[in-house]
All heavy atoms as atom14 arrays in JSON, in Angstrom:
{
  "sequence": "LLQGMSGGLLAPMAQMMIARAAGRHMARVAGYAVAPVLLAPLLG",
  "atom14_mask": [
    [1, 1, 1, 1, 1, 1, 1, 1, 0, 0, 0, 0, 0, 0],
    [1, 1, 1, 1, 1, 1, 1, 1, 0, 0, 0, 0, 0, 0],
    [1, 1, 1, 1, 1, 1, 1, 1, 1, 0, 0, 0, 0, 0],
    [1, 1, 1, 1, 0, 0, 0, 0, 0, 0, 0, 0, 0, 0],
    [1, 1, 1, 1, 1, 1, 1, 1, 0, 0, 0, 0, 0, 0],
    [1, 1, 1, 1, 1, 1, 0, 0, 0, 0, 0, 0, 0, 0],
    [1, 1, 1, 1, 0, 0, 0, 0, 0, 0, 0, 0, 0, 0],
    [1, 1, 1, 1, 0, 0, 0, 0, 0, 0, 0, 0, 0, 0],
    [1, 1, 1, 1, 1, 1, 1, 1, 0, 0, 0, 0, 0, 0],
    [1, 1, 1, 1, 1, 1, 1, 1, 0, 0, 0, 0, 0, 0],
    [1, 1, 1, 1, 1, 0, 0, 0, 0, 0, 0, 0, 0, 0],
    [1, 1, 1, 1, 1, 1, 1, 0, 0, 0, 0, 0, 0, 0],
    [1, 1, 1, 1, 1, 1, 1, 1, 0, 0, 0, 0, 0, 0],
    [1, 1, 1, 1, 1, 0, 0, 0, 0, 0, 0, 0, 0, 0],
    [1, 1, 1, 1, 1, 1, 1, 1, 1, 0, 0, 0, 0, 0],
    [1, 1, 1, 1, 1, 1, 1, 1, 0, 0, 0, 0, 0, 0],
    [1, 1, 1, 1, 1, 1, 1, 1, 0, 0, 0, 0, 0, 0],
    [1, 1, 1, 1, 1, 1, 1, 1, 0, 0, 0, 0, 0, 0],
    [1, 1, 1, 1, 1, 0, 0, 0, 0, 0, 0, 0, 0, 0],
    [1, 1, 1, 1, 1, 1, 1, 1, 1, 1, 1, 0, 0, 0],
    [1, 1, 1, 1, 1, 0, 0, 0, 0, 0, 0, 0, 0, 0],
    [1, 1, 1, 1, 1, 0, 0, 0, 0, 0, 0, 0, 0, 0],
    [1, 1, 1, 1, 0, 0, 0, 0, 0, 0, 0, 0, 0, 0],
    [1, 1, 1, 1, 1, 1, 1, 1, 1, 1, 1, 0, 0, 0],
    [1, 1, 1, 1, 1, 1, 1, 1, 1, 1, 0, 0, 0, 0],
    [1, 1, 1, 1, 1, 1, 1, 1, 0, 0, 0, 0, 0, 0],
    [1, 1, 1, 1, 1, 0, 0, 0, 0, 0, 0, 0, 0, 0],
    [1, 1, 1, 1, 1, 1, 1, 1, 1, 1, 1, 0, 0, 0],
    [1, 1, 1, 1, 1, 1, 1, 0, 0, 0, 0, 0, 0, 0],
    [1, 1, 1, 1, 1, 0, 0, 0, 0, 0, 0, 0, 0, 0],
    [1, 1, 1, 1, 0, 0, 0, 0, 0, 0, 0, 0, 0, 0],
    [1, 1, 1, 1, 1, 1, 1, 1, 1, 1, 1, 1, 0, 0],
    [1, 1, 1, 1, 1, 0, 0, 0, 0, 0, 0, 0, 0, 0],
    [1, 1, 1, 1, 1, 1, 1, 0, 0, 0, 0, 0, 0, 0],
    [1, 1, 1, 1, 1, 0, 0, 0, 0, 0, 0, 0, 0, 0],
    [1, 1, 1, 1, 1, 1, 1, 0, 0, 0, 0, 0, 0, 0],
    [1, 1, 1, 1, 1, 1, 1, 0, 0, 0, 0, 0, 0, 0],
    [1, 1, 1, 1, 1, 1, 1, 1, 0, 0, 0, 0, 0, 0],
    [1, 1, 1, 1, 1, 1, 1, 1, 0, 0, 0, 0, 0, 0],
    [1, 1, 1, 1, 1, 0, 0, 0, 0, 0, 0, 0, 0, 0],
    [1, 1, 1, 1, 1, 1, 1, 0, 0, 0, 0, 0, 0, 0],
    [1, 1, 1, 1, 1, 1, 1, 1, 0, 0, 0, 0, 0, 0],
    [1, 1, 1, 1, 1, 1, 1, 1, 0, 0, 0, 0, 0, 0],
    [1, 1, 1, 1, 0, 0, 0, 0, 0, 0, 0, 0, 0, 0]
  ],
  "atom14_positions": [
    [[55.51, 87.95, 56.62], [55.9, 89.2, 57.17], [55.0, 89.66, 58.35], [55.5, 90.17, 59.31], [55.82, 90.35, 56.02], [56.87, 90.19, 54.85], [56.51, 91.24, 53.79], [58.29, 90.44, 55.46], [0.0, 0.0, 0.0], [0.0, 0.0, 0.0], [0.0, 0.0, 0.0], [0.0, 0.0, 0.0], [0.0, 0.0, 0.0], [0.0, 0.0, 0.0]],
    [[53.73, 89.4, 58.22], [52.75, 89.68, 59.31], [53.11, 88.85, 60.52], [53.1, 89.22, 61.68], [51.28, 89.47, 58.9], [50.81, 90.43, 57.74], [49.39, 89.96, 57.35], [50.81, 91.78, 58.26], [0.0, 0.0, 0.0], [0.0, 0.0, 0.0], [0.0, 0.0, 0.0], [0.0, 0.0, 0.0], [0.0, 0.0, 0.0], [0.0, 0.0, 0.0]],
    [[53.45, 87.6, 60.32], [53.77, 86.66, 61.39], [55.06, 87.1, 62.04], [55.12, 87.08, 63.34], [53.98, 85.23, 60.75], [53.95, 84.2, 61.88], [54.3, 82.83, 61.31], [55.09, 82.66, 60.3], [53.72, 81.77, 61.78], [0.0, 0.0, 0.0], [0.0, 0.0, 0.0], [0.0, 0.0, 0.0], [0.0, 0.0, 0.0], [0.0, 0.0, 0.0]],
    [[56.06, 87.56, 61.3], [57.25, 87.99, 61.89], [57.11, 89.27, 62.62], [57.71, 89.49, 63.67], [0.0, 0.0, 0.0], [0.0, 0.0, 0.0], [0.0, 0.0, 0.0], [0.0, 0.0, 0.0], [0.0, 0.0, 0.0], [0.0, 0.0, 0.0], [0.0, 0.0, 0.0], [0.0, 0.0, 0.0], [0.0, 0.0, 0.0], [0.0, 0.0, 0.0]],
    [[56.3, 90.19, 62.15], [56.0, 91.45, 62.89], [55.33, 91.25, 64.25], [55.65, 91.86, 65.24], [55.18, 92.37, 62.05], [55.86, 92.93, 60.78], [54.8, 93.87, 59.69], [54.44, 95.28, 60.75], [0.0, 0.0, 0.0], [0.0, 0.0, 0.0], [0.0, 0.0, 0.0], [0.0, 0.0, 0.0], [0.0, 0.0, 0.0], [0.0, 0.0, 0.0]],
    [[54.42, 90.25, 64.34], [53.81, 89.9, 65.53], [54.68, 89.15, 66.5], [54.6, 89.25, 67.71], [52.52, 89.24, 65.34], [52.66, 88.07, 64.54], [0.0, 0.0, 0.0], [0.0, 0.0, 0.0], [0.0, 0.0, 0.0], [0.0, 0.0, 0.0], [0.0, 0.0, 0.0], [0.0, 0.0, 0.0], [0.0, 0.0, 0.0], [0.0, 0.0, 0.0]],
    [[55.58, 88.28, 65.87], [56.38, 87.39, 66.69], [57.66, 88.12, 67.17], [58.34, 87.66, 68.08], [0.0, 0.0, 0.0], [0.0, 0.0, 0.0], [0.0, 0.0, 0.0], [0.0, 0.0, 0.0], [0.0, 0.0, 0.0], [0.0, 0.0, 0.0], [0.0, 0.0, 0.0], [0.0, 0.0, 0.0], [0.0, 0.0, 0.0], [0.0, 0.0, 0.0]],
    [[58.04, 89.28, 66.52], [59.23, 89.92, 66.88], [59.32, 90.47, 68.23], [60.48, 90.62, 68.83], [0.0, 0.0, 0.0], [0.0, 0.0, 0.0], [0.0, 0.0, 0.0], [0.0, 0.0, 0.0], [0.0, 0.0, 0.0], [0.0, 0.0, 0.0], [0.0, 0.0, 0.0], [0.0, 0.0, 0.0], [0.0, 0.0, 0.0], [0.0, 0.0, 0.0]],
    [[58.16, 90.78, 68.88], [58.23, 91.35, 70.22], [58.11, 90.26, 71.32], [58.2, 90.54, 72.5], [57.07, 92.35, 70.39], [57.09, 93.49, 69.43], [55.9, 94.43, 69.71], [58.36, 94.27, 69.53], [0.0, 0.0, 0.0], [0.0, 0.0, 0.0], [0.0, 0.0, 0.0], [0.0, 0.0, 0.0], [0.0, 0.0, 0.0], [0.0, 0.0, 0.0]],
    [[57.86, 88.97, 70.93], [57.57, 87.98, 71.93], [58.76, 87.66, 72.75], [58.75, 87.47, 73.93], [57.04, 86.67, 71.27], [55.62, 86.85, 70.69], [55.24, 85.54, 70.04], [54.59, 87.15, 71.86], [0.0, 0.0, 0.0], [0.0, 0.0, 0.0], [0.0, 0.0, 0.0], [0.0, 0.0, 0.0], [0.0, 0.0, 0.0], [0.0, 0.0, 0.0]],
    [[60.02, 87.58, 72.08], [61.24, 87.22, 72.81], [61.67, 88.34, 73.78], [61.87, 88.12, 74.96], [62.31, 86.9, 71.9], [0.0, 0.0, 0.0], [0.0, 0.0, 0.0], [0.0, 0.0, 0.0], [0.0, 0.0, 0.0], [0.0, 0.0, 0.0], [0.0, 0.0, 0.0], [0.0, 0.0, 0.0], [0.0, 0.0, 0.0], [0.0, 0.0, 0.0]],
    [[61.73, 89.56, 73.37], [62.05, 90.69, 74.36], [60.93, 90.77, 75.46], [61.23, 91.21, 76.58], [62.13, 91.96, 73.46], [61.49, 91.61, 72.19], [61.64, 90.16, 72.0], [0.0, 0.0, 0.0], [0.0, 0.0, 0.0], [0.0, 0.0, 0.0], [0.0, 0.0, 0.0], [0.0, 0.0, 0.0], [0.0, 0.0, 0.0], [0.0, 0.0, 0.0]],
    [[59.69, 90.63, 75.03], [58.61, 90.68, 76.03], [58.82, 89.58, 77.06], [58.54, 89.86, 78.29], [57.24, 90.55, 75.38], [56.84, 91.8, 74.5], [56.48, 93.21, 75.59], [55.12, 92.59, 76.57], [0.0, 0.0, 0.0], [0.0, 0.0, 0.0], [0.0, 0.0, 0.0], [0.0, 0.0, 0.0], [0.0, 0.0, 0.0], [0.0, 0.0, 0.0]],
    [[59.16, 88.42, 76.71], [59.43, 87.33, 77.62], [60.48, 87.71, 78.58], [60.33, 87.59, 79.83], [59.77, 86.1, 76.89], [0.0, 0.0, 0.0], [0.0, 0.0, 0.0], [0.0, 0.0, 0.0], [0.0, 0.0, 0.0], [0.0, 0.0, 0.0], [0.0, 0.0, 0.0], [0.0, 0.0, 0.0], [0.0, 0.0, 0.0], [0.0, 0.0, 0.0]],
    [[61.62, 88.26, 78.1], [62.64, 88.7, 79.04], [62.23, 89.76, 80.01], [62.58, 89.65, 81.21], [63.87, 89.21, 78.18], [64.54, 88.27, 77.32], [65.63, 88.93, 76.51], [66.07, 90.01, 76.77], [66.05, 88.24, 75.43], [0.0, 0.0, 0.0], [0.0, 0.0, 0.0], [0.0, 0.0, 0.0], [0.0, 0.0, 0.0], [0.0, 0.0, 0.0]],
    [[61.47, 90.78, 79.52], [61.09, 91.77, 80.38], [60.08, 91.36, 81.44], [60.21, 91.74, 82.64], [60.41, 92.93, 79.56], [60.14, 94.22, 80.28], [58.84, 95.18, 79.55], [57.45, 94.14, 79.98], [0.0, 0.0, 0.0], [0.0, 0.0, 0.0], [0.0, 0.0, 0.0], [0.0, 0.0, 0.0], [0.0, 0.0, 0.0], [0.0, 0.0, 0.0]],
    [[59.08, 90.53, 81.12], [58.13, 90.05, 82.06], [58.8, 89.16, 83.16], [58.45, 89.26, 84.3], [56.98, 89.31, 81.34], [56.19, 90.26, 80.58], [54.63, 89.43, 79.94], [55.31, 88.34, 78.74], [0.0, 0.0, 0.0], [0.0, 0.0, 0.0], [0.0, 0.0, 0.0], [0.0, 0.0, 0.0], [0.0, 0.0, 0.0], [0.0, 0.0, 0.0]],
    [[59.74, 88.31, 82.74], [60.47, 87.54, 83.69], [61.28, 88.37, 84.6], [61.34, 88.1, 85.82], [61.31, 86.49, 83.0], [60.44, 85.41, 82.27], [62.3, 85.8, 83.94], [61.25, 84.57, 81.38], [0.0, 0.0, 0.0], [0.0, 0.0, 0.0], [0.0, 0.0, 0.0], [0.0, 0.0, 0.0], [0.0, 0.0, 0.0], [0.0, 0.0, 0.0]],
    [[61.97, 89.41, 84.05], [62.74, 90.36, 84.9], [61.86, 91.04, 85.94], [62.22, 91.2, 87.08], [63.55, 91.34, 83.97], [0.0, 0.0, 0.0], [0.0, 0.0, 0.0], [0.0, 0.0, 0.0], [0.0, 0.0, 0.0], [0.0, 0.0, 0.0], [0.0, 0.0, 0.0], [0.0, 0.0, 0.0], [0.0, 0.0, 0.0], [0.0, 0.0, 0.0]],
    [[60.75, 91.53, 85.48], [59.75, 92.26, 86.42], [59.31, 91.29, 87.57], [59.29, 91.6, 88.68], [58.55, 92.71, 85.62], [58.75, 94.09, 84.97], [57.45, 94.47, 84.32], [57.45, 95.86, 83.78], [56.43, 96.46, 83.18], [55.33, 95.81, 82.97], [56.57, 97.66, 82.79], [0.0, 0.0, 0.0], [0.0, 0.0, 0.0], [0.0, 0.0, 0.0]],
    [[58.93, 90.08, 87.12], [58.36, 89.18, 88.09], [59.36, 88.55, 89.01], [59.14, 88.38, 90.25], [57.56, 88.08, 87.42], [0.0, 0.0, 0.0], [0.0, 0.0, 0.0], [0.0, 0.0, 0.0], [0.0, 0.0, 0.0], [0.0, 0.0, 0.0], [0.0, 0.0, 0.0], [0.0, 0.0, 0.0], [0.0, 0.0, 0.0], [0.0, 0.0, 0.0]],
    [[60.5, 88.13, 88.53], [61.52, 87.38, 89.32], [62.38, 88.25, 90.14], [62.88, 87.83, 91.14], [62.35, 86.51, 88.3], [0.0, 0.0, 0.0], [0.0, 0.0, 0.0], [0.0, 0.0, 0.0], [0.0, 0.0, 0.0], [0.0, 0.0, 0.0], [0.0, 0.0, 0.0], [0.0, 0.0, 0.0], [0.0, 0.0, 0.0], [0.0, 0.0, 0.0]],
    [[62.66, 89.52, 89.75], [63.51, 90.32, 90.47], [64.87, 89.75, 90.64], [65.57, 89.44, 89.65], [0.0, 0.0, 0.0], [0.0, 0.0, 0.0], [0.0, 0.0, 0.0], [0.0, 0.0, 0.0], [0.0, 0.0, 0.0], [0.0, 0.0, 0.0], [0.0, 0.0, 0.0], [0.0, 0.0, 0.0], [0.0, 0.0, 0.0], [0.0, 0.0, 0.0]],
    [[65.37, 89.59, 91.88], [66.79, 89.11, 92.17], [66.83, 87.68, 91.86], [67.95, 87.1, 91.9], [67.17, 89.46, 93.53], [66.33, 88.73, 94.66], [66.75, 89.18, 96.05], [66.08, 88.48, 97.03], [66.54, 87.35, 97.68], [67.66, 86.83, 97.19], [65.8, 86.73, 98.56], [0.0, 0.0, 0.0], [0.0, 0.0, 0.0], [0.0, 0.0, 0.0]],
    [[65.75, 86.92, 91.61], [65.75, 85.55, 91.36], [65.83, 85.27, 89.83], [65.56, 84.11, 89.4], [64.5, 84.84, 91.92], [64.43, 84.79, 93.4], [65.38, 84.15, 94.21], [63.56, 85.42, 94.25], [65.06, 84.34, 95.47], [63.97, 85.09, 95.58], [0.0, 0.0, 0.0], [0.0, 0.0, 0.0], [0.0, 0.0, 0.0], [0.0, 0.0, 0.0]],
    [[66.03, 86.34, 89.06], [65.91, 86.2, 87.56], [66.81, 85.11, 86.97], [66.46, 84.31, 86.13], [66.22, 87.46, 86.86], [66.02, 87.38, 85.43], [66.41, 88.92, 84.52], [66.16, 88.27, 82.78], [0.0, 0.0, 0.0], [0.0, 0.0, 0.0], [0.0, 0.0, 0.0], [0.0, 0.0, 0.0], [0.0, 0.0, 0.0], [0.0, 0.0, 0.0]],
    [[68.03, 84.97, 87.49], [69.0, 83.98, 86.93], [68.41, 82.57, 87.21], [68.53, 81.74, 86.29], [70.35, 84.05, 87.67], [0.0, 0.0, 0.0], [0.0, 0.0, 0.0], [0.0, 0.0, 0.0], [0.0, 0.0, 0.0], [0.0, 0.0, 0.0], [0.0, 0.0, 0.0], [0.0, 0.0, 0.0], [0.0, 0.0, 0.0], [0.0, 0.0, 0.0]],
    [[67.81, 82.32, 88.3], [67.31, 81.06, 88.62], [65.99, 80.71, 87.8], [65.88, 79.62, 87.15], [66.97, 80.87, 90.13], [66.36, 79.57, 90.55], [66.17, 79.66, 92.03], [65.32, 78.58, 92.54], [64.75, 78.46, 93.73], [65.05, 79.51, 94.62], [64.07, 77.52, 94.16], [0.0, 0.0, 0.0], [0.0, 0.0, 0.0], [0.0, 0.0, 0.0]],
    [[65.15, 81.77, 87.66], [63.89, 81.58, 86.96], [64.13, 81.46, 85.39], [63.67, 80.55, 84.72], [62.9, 82.72, 87.24], [61.62, 82.57, 86.36], [62.53, 82.61, 88.74], [0.0, 0.0, 0.0], [0.0, 0.0, 0.0], [0.0, 0.0, 0.0], [0.0, 0.0, 0.0], [0.0, 0.0, 0.0], [0.0, 0.0, 0.0], [0.0, 0.0, 0.0]],
    [[64.97, 82.41, 84.89], [65.2, 82.49, 83.48], [65.99, 81.2, 83.0], [65.9, 80.88, 81.79], [65.93, 83.77, 83.12], [0.0, 0.0, 0.0], [0.0, 0.0, 0.0], [0.0, 0.0, 0.0], [0.0, 0.0, 0.0], [0.0, 0.0, 0.0], [0.0, 0.0, 0.0], [0.0, 0.0, 0.0], [0.0, 0.0, 0.0], [0.0, 0.0, 0.0]],
    [[66.75, 80.7, 83.89], [67.53, 79.41, 83.52], [66.59, 78.3, 83.05], [66.9, 77.6, 82.09], [0.0, 0.0, 0.0], [0.0, 0.0, 0.0], [0.0, 0.0, 0.0], [0.0, 0.0, 0.0], [0.0, 0.0, 0.0], [0.0, 0.0, 0.0], [0.0, 0.0, 0.0], [0.0, 0.0, 0.0], [0.0, 0.0, 0.0], [0.0, 0.0, 0.0]],
    [[65.49, 78.26, 83.76], [64.5, 77.16, 83.33], [63.64, 77.67, 82.2], [63.26, 76.9, 81.29], [63.6, 76.82, 84.55], [64.29, 76.0, 85.55], [64.9, 76.62, 86.75], [64.44, 74.63, 85.43], [65.43, 75.87, 87.69], [65.05, 73.89, 86.43], [65.55, 74.44, 87.56], [66.17, 73.68, 88.51], [0.0, 0.0, 0.0], [0.0, 0.0, 0.0]],
    [[63.29, 78.95, 82.26], [62.31, 79.46, 81.26], [62.97, 79.55, 79.87], [62.27, 79.4, 78.85], [61.9, 80.87, 81.63], [0.0, 0.0, 0.0], [0.0, 0.0, 0.0], [0.0, 0.0, 0.0], [0.0, 0.0, 0.0], [0.0, 0.0, 0.0], [0.0, 0.0, 0.0], [0.0, 0.0, 0.0], [0.0, 0.0, 0.0], [0.0, 0.0, 0.0]],
    [[64.28, 79.82, 79.74], [64.94, 79.96, 78.53], [65.28, 78.53, 77.84], [65.37, 78.45, 76.64], [66.26, 80.81, 78.63], [66.98, 80.81, 77.37], [65.84, 82.16, 79.1], [0.0, 0.0, 0.0], [0.0, 0.0, 0.0], [0.0, 0.0, 0.0], [0.0, 0.0, 0.0], [0.0, 0.0, 0.0], [0.0, 0.0, 0.0], [0.0, 0.0, 0.0]],
    [[65.35, 77.52, 78.7], [65.69, 76.21, 78.25], [64.78, 75.75, 76.97], [65.31, 75.21, 76.05], [65.69, 75.13, 79.29], [0.0, 0.0, 0.0], [0.0, 0.0, 0.0], [0.0, 0.0, 0.0], [0.0, 0.0, 0.0], [0.0, 0.0, 0.0], [0.0, 0.0, 0.0], [0.0, 0.0, 0.0], [0.0, 0.0, 0.0], [0.0, 0.0, 0.0]],
    [[63.48, 75.91, 77.07], [62.62, 75.45, 75.93], [62.97, 76.26, 74.69], [62.84, 75.74, 73.57], [61.23, 75.76, 76.41], [61.27, 75.8, 77.97], [62.71, 76.33, 78.22], [0.0, 0.0, 0.0], [0.0, 0.0, 0.0], [0.0, 0.0, 0.0], [0.0, 0.0, 0.0], [0.0, 0.0, 0.0], [0.0, 0.0, 0.0], [0.0, 0.0, 0.0]],
    [[63.33, 77.51, 74.84], [63.7, 78.32, 73.64], [64.94, 77.78, 72.9], [65.08, 77.86, 71.71], [63.85, 79.81, 74.0], [64.2, 80.68, 72.81], [62.6, 80.32, 74.73], [0.0, 0.0, 0.0], [0.0, 0.0, 0.0], [0.0, 0.0, 0.0], [0.0, 0.0, 0.0], [0.0, 0.0, 0.0], [0.0, 0.0, 0.0], [0.0, 0.0, 0.0]],
    [[65.88, 77.22, 73.67], [67.04, 76.66, 73.13], [66.78, 75.48, 72.31], [67.55, 75.07, 71.41], [68.02, 76.27, 74.19], [68.7, 77.38, 75.03], [69.51, 76.91, 76.17], [69.56, 78.31, 74.11], [0.0, 0.0, 0.0], [0.0, 0.0, 0.0], [0.0, 0.0, 0.0], [0.0, 0.0, 0.0], [0.0, 0.0, 0.0], [0.0, 0.0, 0.0]],
    [[65.59, 74.82, 72.62], [65.23, 73.63, 71.88], [64.77, 73.97, 70.49], [64.75, 73.09, 69.53], [64.14, 72.96, 72.6], [64.62, 72.16, 73.85], [63.3, 71.67, 74.57], [65.41, 71.0, 73.5], [0.0, 0.0, 0.0], [0.0, 0.0, 0.0], [0.0, 0.0, 0.0], [0.0, 0.0, 0.0], [0.0, 0.0, 0.0], [0.0, 0.0, 0.0]],
    [[64.33, 75.27, 70.26], [63.78, 75.66, 68.9], [64.62, 75.34, 67.74], [64.07, 74.7, 66.78], [63.39, 77.12, 69.04], [0.0, 0.0, 0.0], [0.0, 0.0, 0.0], [0.0, 0.0, 0.0], [0.0, 0.0, 0.0], [0.0, 0.0, 0.0], [0.0, 0.0, 0.0], [0.0, 0.0, 0.0], [0.0, 0.0, 0.0], [0.0, 0.0, 0.0]],
    [[65.92, 75.71, 67.75], [66.7, 75.43, 66.56], [66.93, 73.91, 66.37], [67.11, 73.45, 65.23], [68.03, 76.12, 66.89], [67.73, 77.16, 67.85], [66.65, 76.54, 68.66], [0.0, 0.0, 0.0], [0.0, 0.0, 0.0], [0.0, 0.0, 0.0], [0.0, 0.0, 0.0], [0.0, 0.0, 0.0], [0.0, 0.0, 0.0], [0.0, 0.0, 0.0]],
    [[66.85, 73.17, 67.4], [66.96, 71.68, 67.3], [65.65, 71.02, 66.91], [65.59, 70.12, 66.08], [67.51, 71.06, 68.6], [68.85, 71.58, 69.18], [69.13, 70.95, 70.48], [69.94, 71.29, 68.16], [0.0, 0.0, 0.0], [0.0, 0.0, 0.0], [0.0, 0.0, 0.0], [0.0, 0.0, 0.0], [0.0, 0.0, 0.0], [0.0, 0.0, 0.0]],
    [[64.57, 71.51, 67.47], [63.23, 70.9, 67.25], [62.65, 71.29, 65.91], [61.88, 70.54, 65.21], [62.32, 71.24, 68.38], [62.53, 70.65, 69.69], [61.47, 71.12, 70.72], [62.45, 69.09, 69.64], [0.0, 0.0, 0.0], [0.0, 0.0, 0.0], [0.0, 0.0, 0.0], [0.0, 0.0, 0.0], [0.0, 0.0, 0.0], [0.0, 0.0, 0.0]],
    [[62.98, 72.55, 65.42], [62.39, 73.03, 64.12], [62.55, 72.03, 63.01], [61.53, 71.62, 62.4], [0.0, 0.0, 0.0], [0.0, 0.0, 0.0], [0.0, 0.0, 0.0], [0.0, 0.0, 0.0], [0.0, 0.0, 0.0], [0.0, 0.0, 0.0], [0.0, 0.0, 0.0], [0.0, 0.0, 0.0], [0.0, 0.0, 0.0], [0.0, 0.0, 0.0]]
  ]
}
């Protein structure tokens, strides 16, 4: 439960920080940044 509470904000925080930093390039940057996350259900 503690692990989930601390990990629950990591995904939305990642989106927000990428949106802030990338600006109009978000689609290009997030396309690469999100790819490792897609591996999680397969790698787990």
